Amino acid sequence: MLSPIFETRFKKDIKRLQKRGKDMDKLKIVIERLLENKPLEKNIRIML
């Protein structure tokens, strides 16, 4: 399993999306799959 390194810009982007009331579940799923080295589905779209 990989370990994430969240840069300052990414943290600020996440905070902004949360303030806008966006659903963070899709993003969490993608991040978890990437950390576990599992392939993403071809049709996955994250429209935040």
N, C-alpha and C. Protein backbone atom coordinates (compact mmCIF):
# COMPACT_ATOMS: atom_id res chain seq x y z
N MET A 1 0.85 -1.18 0.00
CA MET A 1 0.00 0.00 0.00
C MET A 1 0.89 1.24 0.00
N LEU A 2 0.52 2.19 -0.81
CA LEU A 2 1.26 3.43 -0.90
C LEU A 2 0.87 4.36 0.25
N SER A 3 1.70 5.34 0.50
CA SER A 3 1.34 6.34 1.51
C SER A 3 1.15 7.68 0.82
N PRO A 4 0.08 8.37 1.13
CA PRO A 4 -0.21 9.63 0.43
C PRO A 4 0.64 10.78 0.96
N ILE A 5 0.95 11.69 0.07
CA ILE A 5 1.58 12.95 0.44
C ILE A 5 0.68 14.04 -0.13
N PHE A 6 -0.04 14.69 0.75
CA PHE A 6 -0.98 15.72 0.32
C PHE A 6 -0.28 17.08 0.38
N GLU A 7 -0.15 17.70 -0.78
CA GLU A 7 0.48 19.00 -0.87
C GLU A 7 -0.48 20.08 -0.36
N THR A 8 0.06 21.23 -0.07
CA THR A 8 -0.74 22.33 0.46
C THR A 8 -1.85 22.73 -0.49
N ARG A 9 -1.57 22.79 -1.78
CA ARG A 9 -2.58 23.18 -2.77
C ARG A 9 -3.74 22.18 -2.77
N PHE A 10 -3.43 20.89 -2.66
CA PHE A 10 -4.47 19.86 -2.65
C PHE A 10 -5.34 20.02 -1.40
N LYS A 11 -4.72 20.27 -0.27
CA LYS A 11 -5.47 20.45 0.98
C LYS A 11 -6.42 21.65 0.87
N LYS A 12 -5.95 22.72 0.26
CA LYS A 12 -6.79 23.91 0.10
C LYS A 12 -7.94 23.63 -0.86
N ASP A 13 -7.67 22.87 -1.91
CA ASP A 13 -8.73 22.51 -2.86
C ASP A 13 -9.81 21.67 -2.18
N ILE A 14 -9.39 20.72 -1.36
CA ILE A 14 -10.35 19.88 -0.63
C ILE A 14 -11.19 20.72 0.32
N LYS A 15 -10.55 21.63 1.02
CA LYS A 15 -11.26 22.49 1.96
C LYS A 15 -12.29 23.36 1.23
N ARG A 16 -11.92 23.88 0.06
CA ARG A 16 -12.83 24.70 -0.73
C ARG A 16 -14.04 23.89 -1.20
N LEU A 17 -13.79 22.66 -1.65
CA LEU A 17 -14.88 21.80 -2.11
C LEU A 17 -15.83 21.46 -0.98
N GLN A 18 -15.29 21.23 0.21
CA GLN A 18 -16.14 20.92 1.36
C GLN A 18 -17.01 22.12 1.74
N LYS A 19 -16.44 23.32 1.65
CA LYS A 19 -17.22 24.52 1.96
C LYS A 19 -18.36 24.72 0.96
N ARG A 20 -18.14 24.29 -0.28
CA ARG A 20 -19.17 24.40 -1.31
C ARG A 20 -20.23 23.31 -1.19
N GLY A 21 -20.02 22.38 -0.28
CA GLY A 21 -21.01 21.33 -0.03
C GLY A 21 -20.96 20.19 -1.01
N LYS A 22 -19.82 19.98 -1.64
CA LYS A 22 -19.68 18.90 -2.62
C LYS A 22 -19.55 17.56 -1.91
N ASP A 23 -19.99 16.50 -2.59
CA ASP A 23 -19.93 15.15 -2.07
C ASP A 23 -18.49 14.63 -2.21
N MET A 24 -17.87 14.31 -1.09
CA MET A 24 -16.47 13.90 -1.09
C MET A 24 -16.31 12.38 -1.17
N ASP A 25 -17.41 11.65 -1.17
CA ASP A 25 -17.33 10.18 -1.19
C ASP A 25 -16.65 9.65 -2.45
N LYS A 26 -16.97 10.23 -3.59
CA LYS A 26 -16.37 9.75 -4.84
C LYS A 26 -14.86 9.97 -4.83
N LEU A 27 -14.44 11.12 -4.35
CA LEU A 27 -13.01 11.42 -4.30
C LEU A 27 -12.30 10.48 -3.33
N LYS A 28 -12.92 10.19 -2.20
CA LYS A 28 -12.33 9.28 -1.23
C LYS A 28 -12.16 7.88 -1.82
N ILE A 29 -13.15 7.43 -2.58
CA ILE A 29 -13.07 6.11 -3.20
C ILE A 29 -11.91 6.03 -4.18
N VAL A 30 -11.75 7.08 -4.99
CA VAL A 30 -10.66 7.10 -5.97
C VAL A 30 -9.30 7.12 -5.27
N ILE A 31 -9.17 7.94 -4.25
CA ILE A 31 -7.90 8.02 -3.52
C ILE A 31 -7.56 6.69 -2.88
N GLU A 32 -8.55 6.04 -2.26
CA GLU A 32 -8.31 4.74 -1.62
C GLU A 32 -7.88 3.69 -2.64
N ARG A 33 -8.52 3.67 -3.80
CA ARG A 33 -8.16 2.69 -4.84
C ARG A 33 -6.75 2.93 -5.35
N LEU A 34 -6.38 4.20 -5.51
CA LEU A 34 -5.02 4.51 -5.97
C LEU A 34 -3.98 4.11 -4.93
N LEU A 35 -4.29 4.32 -3.65
CA LEU A 35 -3.36 3.95 -2.59
C LEU A 35 -3.18 2.45 -2.48
N GLU A 36 -4.22 1.70 -2.82
CA GLU A 36 -4.15 0.24 -2.76
C GLU A 36 -3.62 -0.38 -4.05
N ASN A 37 -3.23 0.46 -5.00
CA ASN A 37 -2.72 0.01 -6.30
C ASN A 37 -3.73 -0.81 -7.09
N LYS A 38 -4.99 -0.53 -6.89
CA LYS A 38 -6.05 -1.19 -7.65
C LYS A 38 -6.38 -0.32 -8.86
N PRO A 39 -6.73 -0.94 -9.98
CA PRO A 39 -7.06 -0.14 -11.16
C PRO A 39 -8.40 0.58 -10.99
N LEU A 40 -8.49 1.73 -11.60
CA LEU A 40 -9.74 2.47 -11.58
C LEU A 40 -10.63 1.96 -12.71
N GLU A 41 -11.93 2.14 -12.53
CA GLU A 41 -12.86 1.76 -13.58
C GLU A 41 -12.70 2.73 -14.74
N LYS A 42 -12.92 2.26 -15.93
CA LYS A 42 -12.73 3.10 -17.12
C LYS A 42 -13.74 4.23 -17.20
N ASN A 43 -14.93 4.01 -16.69
CA ASN A 43 -15.98 5.00 -16.85
C ASN A 43 -16.15 5.89 -15.61
N ILE A 44 -15.16 5.95 -14.75
CA ILE A 44 -15.31 6.75 -13.54
C ILE A 44 -15.15 8.24 -13.88
N ARG A 45 -16.06 9.02 -13.36
CA ARG A 45 -16.03 10.47 -13.54
C ARG A 45 -16.29 11.12 -12.20
N ILE A 46 -15.46 12.07 -11.89
CA ILE A 46 -15.67 12.83 -10.66
C ILE A 46 -16.00 14.24 -11.08
N MET A 47 -17.25 14.58 -10.99
CA MET A 47 -17.67 15.93 -11.32
C MET A 47 -17.95 16.66 -10.03
N LEU A 48 -16.96 17.34 -9.55
CA LEU A 48 -17.13 18.10 -8.32
C LEU A 48 -17.45 19.49 -8.71
